[in-house]
């Protein structure tokens, strides 16, 4: 399983319209091959920064899969007018914690 993290910097005056726009285009994401769920989170210290975290079956389901699709083009078109700069995207995967040694944290 792979997680895509997309950081969307939004102009302060466009925060509410951006949230509505995301709700409208989210079905394009949800129907993508390999899609397994998502979370849109707004920054606390920086409320103009939104993080979209998408769970994909494989990296290939996201890129090239969804990223090269017409649905992705429409997904981005529905939100891009609200961005203050170009979004940043990267991918992560879970660390196998069963092979990591147990760590005990003590507090004095």
N, C-alpha and C. Protein backbone atom coordinates (compact mmCIF):
# COMPACT_ATOMS: atom_id res chain seq x y z
N UNK A 1 0.83 -1.17 0.00
CA UNK A 1 0.00 0.00 0.00
C UNK A 1 0.89 1.25 0.00
N UNK A 2 0.46 2.23 -0.76
CA UNK A 2 1.22 3.47 -0.91
C UNK A 2 0.31 4.65 -0.56
N UNK A 3 0.90 5.65 0.05
CA UNK A 3 0.17 6.87 0.35
C UNK A 3 0.73 8.01 -0.48
N UNK A 4 -0.15 8.72 -1.13
CA UNK A 4 0.21 9.96 -1.84
C UNK A 4 -0.10 11.10 -0.89
N UNK A 5 0.82 12.02 -0.76
CA UNK A 5 0.57 13.23 0.01
C UNK A 5 0.71 14.41 -0.94
N UNK A 6 -0.40 15.10 -1.15
CA UNK A 6 -0.41 16.28 -2.01
C UNK A 6 -0.65 17.49 -1.13
N UNK A 7 0.25 18.44 -1.21
CA UNK A 7 0.13 19.67 -0.43
C UNK A 7 -0.42 20.76 -1.34
N UNK A 8 -1.59 21.27 -0.97
CA UNK A 8 -2.28 22.30 -1.74
C UNK A 8 -2.23 23.63 -1.00
N UNK A 9 -1.39 24.57 -1.45
CA UNK A 9 -1.38 25.91 -0.84
C UNK A 9 -2.53 26.73 -1.45
N UNK A 10 -3.41 27.23 -0.60
CA UNK A 10 -4.62 27.91 -1.04
C UNK A 10 -4.59 29.36 -0.56
N UNK A 11 -5.02 30.26 -1.41
CA UNK A 11 -5.12 31.66 -1.01
C UNK A 11 -6.13 31.79 0.13
N UNK A 12 -5.79 32.56 1.15
CA UNK A 12 -6.63 32.69 2.36
C UNK A 12 -8.08 33.02 2.01
N UNK A 13 -8.28 33.93 1.08
CA UNK A 13 -9.65 34.34 0.73
C UNK A 13 -10.40 33.28 -0.08
N UNK A 14 -9.70 32.21 -0.46
CA UNK A 14 -10.32 31.15 -1.26
C UNK A 14 -10.47 29.83 -0.50
N UNK A 15 -10.26 29.84 0.81
CA UNK A 15 -10.32 28.60 1.57
C UNK A 15 -11.69 27.93 1.46
N UNK A 16 -12.75 28.64 1.70
CA UNK A 16 -14.09 28.04 1.66
C UNK A 16 -14.47 27.59 0.24
N UNK A 17 -14.24 28.43 -0.79
CA UNK A 17 -14.52 27.95 -2.16
C UNK A 17 -13.68 26.72 -2.53
N UNK A 18 -12.44 26.66 -2.04
CA UNK A 18 -11.60 25.49 -2.31
C UNK A 18 -12.22 24.23 -1.70
N UNK A 19 -12.69 24.32 -0.47
CA UNK A 19 -13.31 23.16 0.18
C UNK A 19 -14.53 22.68 -0.60
N UNK A 20 -15.33 23.62 -1.07
CA UNK A 20 -16.51 23.24 -1.86
C UNK A 20 -16.08 22.60 -3.18
N UNK A 21 -15.07 23.18 -3.82
CA UNK A 21 -14.58 22.64 -5.09
C UNK A 21 -14.04 21.22 -4.91
N UNK A 22 -13.32 20.99 -3.80
CA UNK A 22 -12.79 19.65 -3.56
C UNK A 22 -13.93 18.65 -3.43
N UNK A 23 -14.96 19.01 -2.71
CA UNK A 23 -16.12 18.12 -2.54
C UNK A 23 -16.74 17.77 -3.89
N UNK A 24 -16.75 18.74 -4.80
CA UNK A 24 -17.34 18.50 -6.12
C UNK A 24 -16.49 17.58 -6.99
N UNK A 25 -15.15 17.68 -6.88
CA UNK A 25 -14.29 16.86 -7.74
C UNK A 25 -13.85 15.54 -7.10
N UNK A 26 -14.07 15.37 -5.81
CA UNK A 26 -13.64 14.15 -5.12
C UNK A 26 -14.15 12.86 -5.76
N UNK A 27 -15.38 12.81 -6.30
CA UNK A 27 -15.82 11.56 -6.94
C UNK A 27 -14.92 11.10 -8.09
N UNK A 28 -14.22 12.02 -8.75
CA UNK A 28 -13.29 11.65 -9.82
C UNK A 28 -12.13 10.86 -9.25
N UNK A 29 -11.70 11.22 -8.06
CA UNK A 29 -10.62 10.51 -7.37
C UNK A 29 -11.11 9.15 -6.87
N UNK A 30 -12.26 9.15 -6.25
CA UNK A 30 -12.80 7.94 -5.61
C UNK A 30 -12.99 6.81 -6.61
N UNK A 31 -13.31 7.11 -7.84
CA UNK A 31 -13.56 6.05 -8.83
C UNK A 31 -12.29 5.56 -9.55
N UNK A 32 -11.14 6.11 -9.18
CA UNK A 32 -9.88 5.72 -9.83
C UNK A 32 -9.49 4.28 -9.48
N UNK A 33 -8.89 3.60 -10.43
CA UNK A 33 -8.39 2.24 -10.20
C UNK A 33 -7.32 2.29 -9.10
N UNK A 34 -7.44 1.40 -8.14
CA UNK A 34 -6.45 1.31 -7.07
C UNK A 34 -6.69 2.25 -5.90
N UNK A 35 -7.69 3.12 -5.99
CA UNK A 35 -8.01 4.04 -4.90
C UNK A 35 -8.53 3.24 -3.71
N UNK A 36 -8.03 3.58 -2.51
CA UNK A 36 -8.47 2.86 -1.31
C UNK A 36 -8.91 3.79 -0.18
N UNK A 37 -8.97 5.08 -0.42
CA UNK A 37 -9.43 6.02 0.60
C UNK A 37 -8.62 7.30 0.58
N UNK A 38 -9.19 8.34 1.20
CA UNK A 38 -8.46 9.61 1.27
C UNK A 38 -8.88 10.41 2.49
N UNK A 39 -8.05 11.40 2.80
CA UNK A 39 -8.30 12.34 3.88
C UNK A 39 -7.82 13.70 3.39
N UNK A 40 -8.67 14.71 3.48
CA UNK A 40 -8.26 16.08 3.20
C UNK A 40 -8.14 16.76 4.55
N UNK A 41 -6.95 17.28 4.87
CA UNK A 41 -6.69 17.90 6.17
C UNK A 41 -6.20 19.33 5.98
N UNK A 42 -6.70 20.22 6.83
CA UNK A 42 -6.31 21.63 6.78
C UNK A 42 -5.31 21.91 7.89
N UNK A 43 -4.28 22.69 7.57
CA UNK A 43 -3.27 23.02 8.56
C UNK A 43 -3.84 23.81 9.73
N UNK A 44 -3.29 23.60 10.89
CA UNK A 44 -3.70 24.35 12.08
C UNK A 44 -2.87 25.63 12.18
N UNK A 45 -1.55 25.49 12.17
CA UNK A 45 -0.68 26.67 12.22
C UNK A 45 -0.76 27.47 10.92
N UNK A 46 -1.00 26.77 9.82
CA UNK A 46 -1.06 27.41 8.51
C UNK A 46 -2.34 26.94 7.81
N UNK A 47 -3.48 27.58 8.09
CA UNK A 47 -4.76 27.12 7.53
C UNK A 47 -4.86 27.25 6.01
N UNK A 48 -3.92 27.92 5.38
CA UNK A 48 -3.92 28.02 3.92
C UNK A 48 -3.31 26.79 3.26
N UNK A 49 -2.75 25.89 4.05
CA UNK A 49 -2.11 24.69 3.50
C UNK A 49 -2.98 23.47 3.78
N UNK A 50 -3.42 22.83 2.71
CA UNK A 50 -4.21 21.61 2.81
C UNK A 50 -3.34 20.43 2.40
N UNK A 51 -3.52 19.32 3.08
CA UNK A 51 -2.84 18.07 2.73
C UNK A 51 -3.89 17.06 2.33
N UNK A 52 -3.75 16.55 1.13
CA UNK A 52 -4.59 15.46 0.67
C UNK A 52 -3.78 14.19 0.77
N UNK A 53 -4.25 13.26 1.58
CA UNK A 53 -3.57 11.98 1.76
C UNK A 53 -4.46 10.91 1.13
N UNK A 54 -3.92 10.26 0.09
CA UNK A 54 -4.68 9.25 -0.65
C UNK A 54 -3.99 7.91 -0.49
N UNK A 55 -4.76 6.89 -0.18
CA UNK A 55 -4.24 5.53 -0.07
C UNK A 55 -4.47 4.82 -1.40
N UNK A 56 -3.38 4.33 -2.00
CA UNK A 56 -3.44 3.61 -3.28
C UNK A 56 -2.95 2.19 -3.06
N UNK A 57 -3.48 1.25 -3.86
CA UNK A 57 -2.99 -0.14 -3.81
C UNK A 57 -1.52 -0.19 -4.21
N UNK A 58 -1.17 0.51 -5.31
CA UNK A 58 0.21 0.52 -5.79
C UNK A 58 0.58 1.93 -6.23
N UNK A 59 1.86 2.21 -6.31
CA UNK A 59 2.33 3.50 -6.82
C UNK A 59 1.86 3.70 -8.25
N UNK A 60 1.88 2.62 -9.03
CA UNK A 60 1.48 2.70 -10.43
C UNK A 60 0.00 3.06 -10.60
N UNK A 61 -0.83 2.73 -9.61
CA UNK A 61 -2.23 3.13 -9.68
C UNK A 61 -2.36 4.65 -9.65
N UNK A 62 -1.46 5.30 -8.91
CA UNK A 62 -1.49 6.77 -8.86
C UNK A 62 -0.74 7.36 -10.04
N UNK A 63 0.52 6.92 -10.18
CA UNK A 63 1.34 7.46 -11.26
C UNK A 63 2.07 6.33 -11.96
N UNK A 64 1.78 6.10 -13.19
CA UNK A 64 1.10 6.95 -14.16
C UNK A 64 -0.42 6.86 -14.15
N UNK A 65 -1.00 5.81 -13.56
CA UNK A 65 -2.44 5.56 -13.61
C UNK A 65 -3.34 6.78 -13.57
N UNK A 66 -3.69 7.23 -12.36
CA UNK A 66 -4.62 8.34 -12.21
C UNK A 66 -4.05 9.65 -12.77
N UNK A 67 -2.76 9.91 -12.54
CA UNK A 67 -2.17 11.18 -12.97
C UNK A 67 -2.26 11.42 -14.48
N UNK A 68 -2.28 10.36 -15.26
CA UNK A 68 -2.32 10.53 -16.72
C UNK A 68 -3.74 10.43 -17.28
N UNK A 69 -4.73 10.37 -16.40
CA UNK A 69 -6.11 10.18 -16.85
C UNK A 69 -6.84 11.52 -17.06
N UNK A 70 -7.92 11.44 -17.81
CA UNK A 70 -8.79 12.60 -18.01
C UNK A 70 -9.45 12.98 -16.69
N UNK A 71 -9.77 12.00 -15.84
CA UNK A 71 -10.34 12.29 -14.53
C UNK A 71 -9.39 13.15 -13.69
N UNK A 72 -8.10 12.86 -13.75
CA UNK A 72 -7.13 13.67 -13.00
C UNK A 72 -7.08 15.09 -13.54
N UNK A 73 -7.12 15.22 -14.84
CA UNK A 73 -7.11 16.56 -15.44
C UNK A 73 -8.31 17.36 -14.95
N UNK A 74 -9.49 16.75 -14.94
CA UNK A 74 -10.70 17.43 -14.48
C UNK A 74 -10.64 17.68 -12.96
N UNK A 75 -10.08 16.74 -12.21
CA UNK A 75 -9.91 16.88 -10.77
C UNK A 75 -9.09 18.13 -10.45
N UNK A 76 -7.96 18.27 -11.12
CA UNK A 76 -7.09 19.42 -10.88
C UNK A 76 -7.70 20.72 -11.40
N UNK A 77 -8.35 20.67 -12.55
CA UNK A 77 -8.98 21.87 -13.10
C UNK A 77 -10.01 22.45 -12.14
N UNK A 78 -10.69 21.58 -11.40
CA UNK A 78 -11.72 22.04 -10.48
C UNK A 78 -11.17 22.77 -9.26
N UNK A 79 -9.86 22.62 -9.00
CA UNK A 79 -9.26 23.23 -7.80
C UNK A 79 -8.19 24.26 -8.09
N UNK A 80 -7.55 24.19 -9.25
CA UNK A 80 -6.34 24.98 -9.48
C UNK A 80 -6.52 26.49 -9.37
N UNK A 81 -7.71 26.99 -9.60
CA UNK A 81 -7.91 28.44 -9.51
C UNK A 81 -7.75 28.96 -8.08
N UNK A 82 -7.79 28.06 -7.10
CA UNK A 82 -7.68 28.46 -5.70
C UNK A 82 -6.26 28.35 -5.14
N UNK A 83 -5.34 27.76 -5.90
CA UNK A 83 -3.97 27.57 -5.42
C UNK A 83 -3.18 28.88 -5.44
N UNK A 84 -2.38 29.09 -4.39
CA UNK A 84 -1.50 30.25 -4.36
C UNK A 84 -0.15 29.94 -5.01
N UNK A 85 0.16 28.66 -5.14
CA UNK A 85 1.36 28.20 -5.85
C UNK A 85 1.15 26.75 -6.25
N UNK A 86 2.10 26.22 -6.97
CA UNK A 86 2.00 24.85 -7.48
C UNK A 86 1.97 23.85 -6.33
N UNK A 87 1.03 22.88 -6.36
CA UNK A 87 1.01 21.84 -5.32
C UNK A 87 2.27 20.98 -5.36
N UNK A 88 2.61 20.40 -4.21
CA UNK A 88 3.73 19.47 -4.11
C UNK A 88 3.16 18.10 -3.80
N UNK A 89 3.71 17.08 -4.44
CA UNK A 89 3.22 15.72 -4.26
C UNK A 89 4.40 14.78 -3.99
N UNK A 90 4.22 13.91 -3.02
CA UNK A 90 5.21 12.86 -2.78
C UNK A 90 4.49 11.62 -2.26
N UNK A 91 5.23 10.53 -2.17
CA UNK A 91 4.64 9.24 -1.79
C UNK A 91 5.40 8.66 -0.60
N UNK A 92 4.65 7.94 0.24
CA UNK A 92 5.25 7.26 1.39
C UNK A 92 4.65 5.86 1.49
N UNK A 93 5.30 5.00 2.26
CA UNK A 93 4.75 3.69 2.56
C UNK A 93 5.02 3.39 4.02
N UNK A 94 4.21 2.51 4.58
CA UNK A 94 4.36 2.17 5.99
C UNK A 94 5.65 1.42 6.24
N UNK A 95 6.20 1.63 7.42
CA UNK A 95 7.39 0.92 7.85
C UNK A 95 6.93 -0.34 8.57
N UNK A 96 7.58 -1.45 8.27
CA UNK A 96 7.25 -2.71 8.94
C UNK A 96 7.72 -2.62 10.38
N UNK A 97 6.79 -2.38 11.29
CA UNK A 97 7.14 -2.20 12.69
C UNK A 97 7.38 -3.52 13.41
N UNK A 98 7.02 -4.64 12.78
CA UNK A 98 7.23 -5.94 13.42
C UNK A 98 8.71 -6.32 13.41
N UNK A 99 9.47 -5.77 12.48
CA UNK A 99 10.90 -6.10 12.43
C UNK A 99 11.74 -5.09 13.21
N UNK A 100 11.12 -4.01 13.67
CA UNK A 100 11.86 -3.00 14.44
C UNK A 100 11.96 -3.45 15.90
N UNK A 101 13.08 -3.14 16.54
CA UNK A 101 13.22 -3.51 17.96
C UNK A 101 12.24 -2.70 18.81
N UNK A 102 11.83 -3.32 19.92
CA UNK A 102 10.95 -2.61 20.85
C UNK A 102 11.71 -1.46 21.49
N UNK A 103 11.07 -0.31 21.55
CA UNK A 103 11.69 0.85 22.17
C UNK A 103 10.79 1.29 23.31
N UNK A 104 11.41 1.45 24.47
CA UNK A 104 10.65 1.90 25.62
C UNK A 104 11.13 3.30 25.95
N UNK A 105 10.18 4.21 26.07
CA UNK A 105 10.51 5.58 26.37
C UNK A 105 10.25 5.84 27.84
N UNK A 106 11.24 6.35 28.52
CA UNK A 106 11.05 6.66 29.93
C UNK A 106 11.10 8.16 30.12
N UNK A 107 10.28 8.62 31.05
CA UNK A 107 10.24 10.05 31.37
C UNK A 107 10.72 10.22 32.79
N UNK A 108 11.70 11.08 33.00
CA UNK A 108 12.24 11.26 34.38
C UNK A 108 11.22 11.84 35.32
